[in-house]
Protein backbone atom coordinates (compact mmCIF):
# COMPACT_ATOMS: atom_id res chain seq x y z
CA MET A 1 -15.00 -17.53 -0.76
CA ASN A 2 -11.48 -16.22 -1.26
CA LEU A 3 -9.16 -14.81 1.40
CA VAL A 4 -6.28 -12.40 0.85
CA ILE A 5 -3.87 -11.34 3.59
CA ASP A 6 -1.69 -8.23 3.61
CA SER A 7 0.92 -8.53 6.35
CA GLY A 8 2.62 -5.14 6.35
CA ASN A 9 5.24 -3.39 8.45
CA THR A 10 2.79 -2.18 11.11
CA ARG A 11 -0.41 -4.23 10.77
CA ILE A 12 -1.97 -7.40 9.42
CA LYS A 13 -5.05 -6.88 7.25
CA ALA A 14 -7.22 -9.43 5.46
CA GLY A 15 -10.11 -9.36 3.03
CA ILE A 16 -12.78 -11.96 2.32
CA PHE A 17 -14.04 -11.83 -1.27
CA ALA A 18 -16.88 -13.43 -3.18
CA LYS A 19 -15.30 -13.33 -6.65
CA GLU A 20 -14.52 -9.59 -7.09
CA LYS A 21 -16.77 -8.33 -4.29
CA LEU A 22 -15.15 -7.48 -0.97
CA GLU A 23 -17.44 -8.97 1.68
CA GLU A 24 -15.47 -8.32 4.87
CA THR A 25 -12.27 -6.66 6.07
CA LEU A 26 -10.37 -7.99 9.09
CA LEU A 27 -7.54 -6.58 11.21
CA PHE A 28 -5.22 -8.69 13.38
CA ASP A 29 -3.05 -7.21 16.10
CA THR A 30 -0.77 -10.25 16.51
CA GLU A 31 0.48 -13.30 14.65
CA ASN A 32 -1.40 -15.53 17.10
CA GLU A 33 -4.71 -13.84 16.26
CA LEU A 34 -4.10 -14.47 12.57
CA LYS A 35 -3.01 -18.04 13.26
CA GLY A 36 -6.15 -18.76 15.27
CA PHE A 37 -8.40 -17.29 12.57
CA LEU A 38 -6.79 -19.33 9.80
CA ARG A 39 -6.90 -22.58 11.74
CA SER A 40 -10.62 -22.16 12.47
CA ASN A 41 -11.77 -21.13 8.96
CA ASN A 42 -11.60 -22.73 5.51
CA PHE A 43 -11.54 -20.89 2.19
CA GLU A 44 -11.58 -21.84 -1.47
CA ASN A 45 -8.42 -19.89 -2.34
CA ILE A 46 -5.91 -17.96 -0.26
CA LEU A 47 -3.23 -15.48 -1.31
CA ILE A 48 -0.63 -14.15 1.14
CA SER A 49 1.33 -10.93 0.75
CA SER A 50 3.84 -10.39 3.53
CA VAL A 51 6.70 -7.99 4.15
CA SER A 52 6.99 -8.88 7.84
CA ILE A 53 5.92 -12.40 8.92
CA LEU A 54 7.40 -15.24 6.90
CA GLY A 55 4.79 -15.88 4.21
CA THR A 56 5.41 -19.63 4.06
CA GLN A 57 4.64 -19.81 7.78
CA ILE A 58 1.26 -18.15 7.26
CA LEU A 59 0.49 -20.64 4.50
CA GLU A 60 1.13 -23.52 6.91
CA TRP A 61 -1.62 -22.19 9.21
CA ALA A 62 -4.17 -21.97 6.39
CA THR A 63 -6.51 -24.55 4.87
CA ALA A 64 -7.67 -23.99 1.29
CA LYS A 65 -8.05 -25.71 -2.05
CA LYS A 66 -5.38 -23.43 -3.47
CA LYS A 67 -2.80 -21.56 -1.36
CA MET A 68 -0.50 -18.99 -2.90
CA LEU A 69 2.30 -16.69 -1.78
CA LEU A 70 2.78 -13.44 -3.68
CA THR A 71 6.23 -13.03 -5.20
CA HIS A 72 7.40 -11.52 -8.48
CA ARG A 73 7.46 -15.07 -9.89
CA LEU A 74 3.75 -15.66 -9.38
CA PRO A 75 1.75 -15.18 -12.62
CA LEU A 76 0.41 -11.63 -12.58
CA PRO A 77 -2.28 -9.74 -14.52
CA ILE A 78 0.36 -7.10 -15.31
CA LYS A 79 3.81 -6.98 -16.90
CA ILE A 80 6.67 -6.03 -14.55
CA ASN A 81 9.19 -3.70 -16.23
CA TYR A 82 11.51 -3.32 -13.25
CA LYS A 83 15.25 -3.89 -13.34
CA THR A 84 15.31 -5.74 -10.01
CA PRO A 85 11.92 -7.52 -9.70
CA GLU A 86 13.31 -9.73 -6.94
CA THR A 87 13.63 -6.62 -4.71
CA LEU A 88 10.20 -5.21 -5.57
CA GLY A 89 7.89 -5.04 -2.55
CA VAL A 90 4.87 -7.28 -2.95
CA ASP A 91 2.67 -4.55 -1.46
CA ARG A 92 3.67 -2.31 -4.36
CA ILE A 93 2.70 -5.01 -6.86
CA ALA A 94 -0.67 -5.40 -5.14
CA ALA A 95 -1.32 -1.64 -5.13
CA VAL A 96 -0.94 -1.25 -8.89
CA CYS A 97 -3.04 -4.37 -9.50
CA GLY A 98 -5.72 -2.73 -7.38
CA ALA A 99 -5.42 0.46 -9.39
CA ILE A 100 -6.01 -1.30 -12.71
CA GLN A 101 -8.96 -3.13 -11.19
CA LEU A 102 -10.53 0.26 -10.41
CA TYR A 103 -9.35 2.06 -13.56
CA PRO A 104 -8.64 -0.56 -16.25
CA ASP A 105 -8.40 1.93 -19.14
CA ASN A 106 -6.20 4.60 -17.56
CA ASN A 107 -2.63 5.32 -16.66
CA CYS A 108 -2.55 5.06 -12.86
CA LEU A 109 -0.37 6.25 -10.01
CA ALA A 110 -0.91 4.27 -6.80
CA ILE A 111 0.21 6.08 -3.65
CA ASP A 112 0.51 4.10 -0.41
CA ALA A 113 0.89 6.44 2.57
CA GLY A 114 2.19 4.06 5.19
CA THR A 115 5.46 3.51 7.04
CA CYS A 116 7.05 4.61 3.77
CA MET A 117 5.41 6.65 1.04
CA THR A 118 5.40 4.60 -2.16
CA PHE A 119 4.53 5.94 -5.60
CA ASP A 120 3.91 3.28 -8.25
CA PHE A 121 3.02 3.86 -11.88
CA ILE A 122 1.26 1.48 -14.25
CA ASP A 123 0.25 2.44 -17.77
CA ARG A 124 -3.05 1.70 -19.49
CA ASP A 125 -1.48 -1.32 -21.22
CA LYS A 126 -0.85 -2.93 -17.80
CA ASN A 127 2.91 -2.30 -17.84
CA TYR A 128 4.30 -1.59 -14.38
CA LEU A 129 7.20 0.83 -14.86
CA GLY A 130 8.26 1.53 -11.26
CA GLY A 131 7.97 4.61 -9.08
CA GLY A 132 9.47 6.04 -5.92
CA ILE A 133 9.89 5.42 -2.19
CA SER A 134 10.34 8.05 0.51
CA PRO A 135 9.98 8.16 4.31
CA GLY A 136 6.46 8.29 5.68
CA ILE A 137 5.20 10.81 8.23
CA ALA A 138 6.10 8.90 11.41
CA MET A 139 9.50 7.93 10.02
CA ARG A 140 10.36 11.59 9.36
CA PHE A 141 9.57 12.60 12.93
CA GLU A 142 11.50 9.60 14.27
CA ALA A 143 14.52 10.42 12.11
CA MET A 144 14.75 14.02 13.35
CA HIS A 145 14.60 12.82 16.95
CA THR A 146 17.05 9.94 16.46
CA PHE A 147 19.72 11.72 14.43
CA THR A 148 19.90 14.97 16.41
CA ALA A 149 20.92 15.68 19.99
CA LYS A 150 18.09 17.95 21.11
CA LEU A 151 15.05 17.63 18.85
CA PRO A 152 12.15 15.92 20.64
CA LEU A 153 10.00 13.08 19.30
CA VAL A 154 6.92 14.86 17.97
CA THR A 155 3.58 13.33 17.08
CA ALA A 156 1.91 14.07 13.76
CA ALA A 157 -0.70 16.83 13.52
CA THR A 158 -1.71 19.34 10.87
CA GLU A 159 0.34 22.51 11.36
CA LYS A 160 0.38 26.08 10.09
CA LEU A 161 3.13 27.07 7.69
CA ILE A 162 5.15 29.18 10.11
CA GLY A 163 5.95 27.23 13.27
CA ASP A 164 6.42 29.40 16.37
CA SER A 165 8.04 26.75 18.59
CA THR A 166 10.45 23.88 18.02
CA GLU A 167 7.65 21.31 18.01
CA SER A 168 5.38 23.34 15.73
CA SER A 169 8.33 24.04 13.42
CA MET A 170 9.03 20.32 13.18
CA ARG A 171 5.37 19.64 12.45
CA SER A 172 5.35 22.37 9.82
CA GLY A 173 8.43 20.94 8.16
CA VAL A 174 7.15 17.37 8.09
CA MET A 175 3.44 17.83 7.43
CA ASN A 176 3.65 20.73 4.97
CA GLY A 177 6.80 19.29 3.44
CA ILE A 178 5.32 15.88 2.68
CA LEU A 179 2.21 17.50 1.21
CA ALA A 180 4.32 19.71 -1.06
CA GLU A 181 6.42 16.71 -2.06
CA THR A 182 3.37 14.62 -2.93
CA GLU A 183 1.68 17.48 -4.82
CA GLY A 184 4.86 18.00 -6.82
CA ILE A 185 5.30 14.34 -7.69
CA ILE A 186 1.69 14.01 -8.85
CA ALA A 187 2.08 17.19 -10.95
CA ARG A 188 5.21 15.82 -12.64
CA TYR A 189 3.45 12.56 -13.52
CA LYS A 190 0.50 14.49 -14.93
CA GLU A 191 2.83 16.48 -17.18
CA GLN A 192 3.71 13.20 -18.91
CA TYR A 193 0.34 11.48 -18.53
CA PRO A 194 -2.52 14.05 -18.59
CA ASP A 195 -5.20 11.35 -18.17
CA LEU A 196 -3.54 10.03 -15.00
CA ARG A 197 -5.70 8.54 -12.27
CA VAL A 198 -4.23 8.89 -8.77
CA VAL A 199 -5.33 6.29 -6.23
CA LEU A 200 -4.45 6.67 -2.56
CA CYS A 201 -4.32 4.16 0.28
CA GLY A 202 -2.38 3.51 3.51
CA GLY A 203 -2.56 4.35 7.19
CA ASP A 204 -2.00 8.10 6.63
CA ALA A 205 -4.29 8.30 3.59
CA LEU A 206 -6.93 10.41 5.39
CA PHE A 207 -4.45 13.24 5.99
CA PHE A 208 -3.56 13.40 2.31
CA GLU A 209 -7.17 12.98 1.20
CA ASN A 210 -8.16 16.01 3.30
CA ASN A 211 -5.21 18.21 2.39
CA LEU A 212 -4.01 17.45 -1.13
CA LYS A 213 -5.09 19.94 -3.78
CA GLN A 214 -4.55 17.44 -6.57
CA SER A 215 -7.48 15.30 -7.70
CA ILE A 216 -7.18 11.86 -6.10
CA PHE A 217 -9.37 8.87 -5.34
CA ALA A 218 -9.02 7.41 -1.85
CA ALA A 219 -9.29 3.61 -1.87
CA PRO A 220 -8.51 2.33 1.66
CA GLU A 221 -8.73 -1.31 0.52
CA LEU A 222 -6.61 -0.84 -2.61
CA VAL A 223 -3.98 -3.44 -1.67
CA LEU A 224 -6.65 -6.02 -0.78
CA ILE A 225 -8.44 -5.35 -4.07
CA GLY A 226 -5.16 -5.83 -5.91
CA LEU A 227 -4.38 -9.04 -4.06
CA ASN A 228 -7.79 -10.43 -4.98
CA ARG A 229 -7.18 -9.47 -8.62
CA ILE A 230 -3.96 -11.50 -8.52
CA LEU A 231 -5.68 -14.38 -6.72
CA CYS A 232 -8.47 -14.56 -9.30
CA HIS A 233 -5.91 -14.47 -12.10
CA ASN A 234 -4.09 -17.48 -10.63
CA ALA A 235 -7.20 -19.40 -9.56
CA SER A 236 -8.29 -19.50 -13.19
CA LEU A 237 -4.99 -20.94 -14.45
């Protein structure tokens, strides 16, 4: 059995795979929970992707025949065409690897709706070209509250177009604005790549899945699938 761990900005998620089949998904609220799990379980191969906890520390807790930490230097099943690969988020690498696992013969746009919204494009020849990063839903509400004197901190909720109070106006601006932004970005990609497959994941994915007019495929475990694709690629080397 293989284990992949995605330690993101707001949560720690793991997947247990039998070859390419996802057998179980796990969520950990704290580092200590993850540490306890790793110290009490053994796996054949482990791959760590972390943008929060120090990845080398997680590896020290784990026992496996082969332990790997995802960086741009790790052999990948894709080609990275990015001017600064050393700054490229490992979660973005995993997302596009998950997209090509699901759609190996298509140009793909992987959208991760999390703390930030990331848009990552990979062509059908497995060339990762880059994409875009913008603030996620919660970050937009937090920014309006933090950088103004009187605007309150508002929670996310679907809102009508015309807000009739300060809070509903803020919700309208954020929720309808981020939808329009995402619709527009997808449309611009499709102008260049008509056969584009759009794959969506992340903590806010359900909102976009329910409200986007563009054709998308929601894959909640996209990053885990991508991590396992990378793990299998390296385990065979």
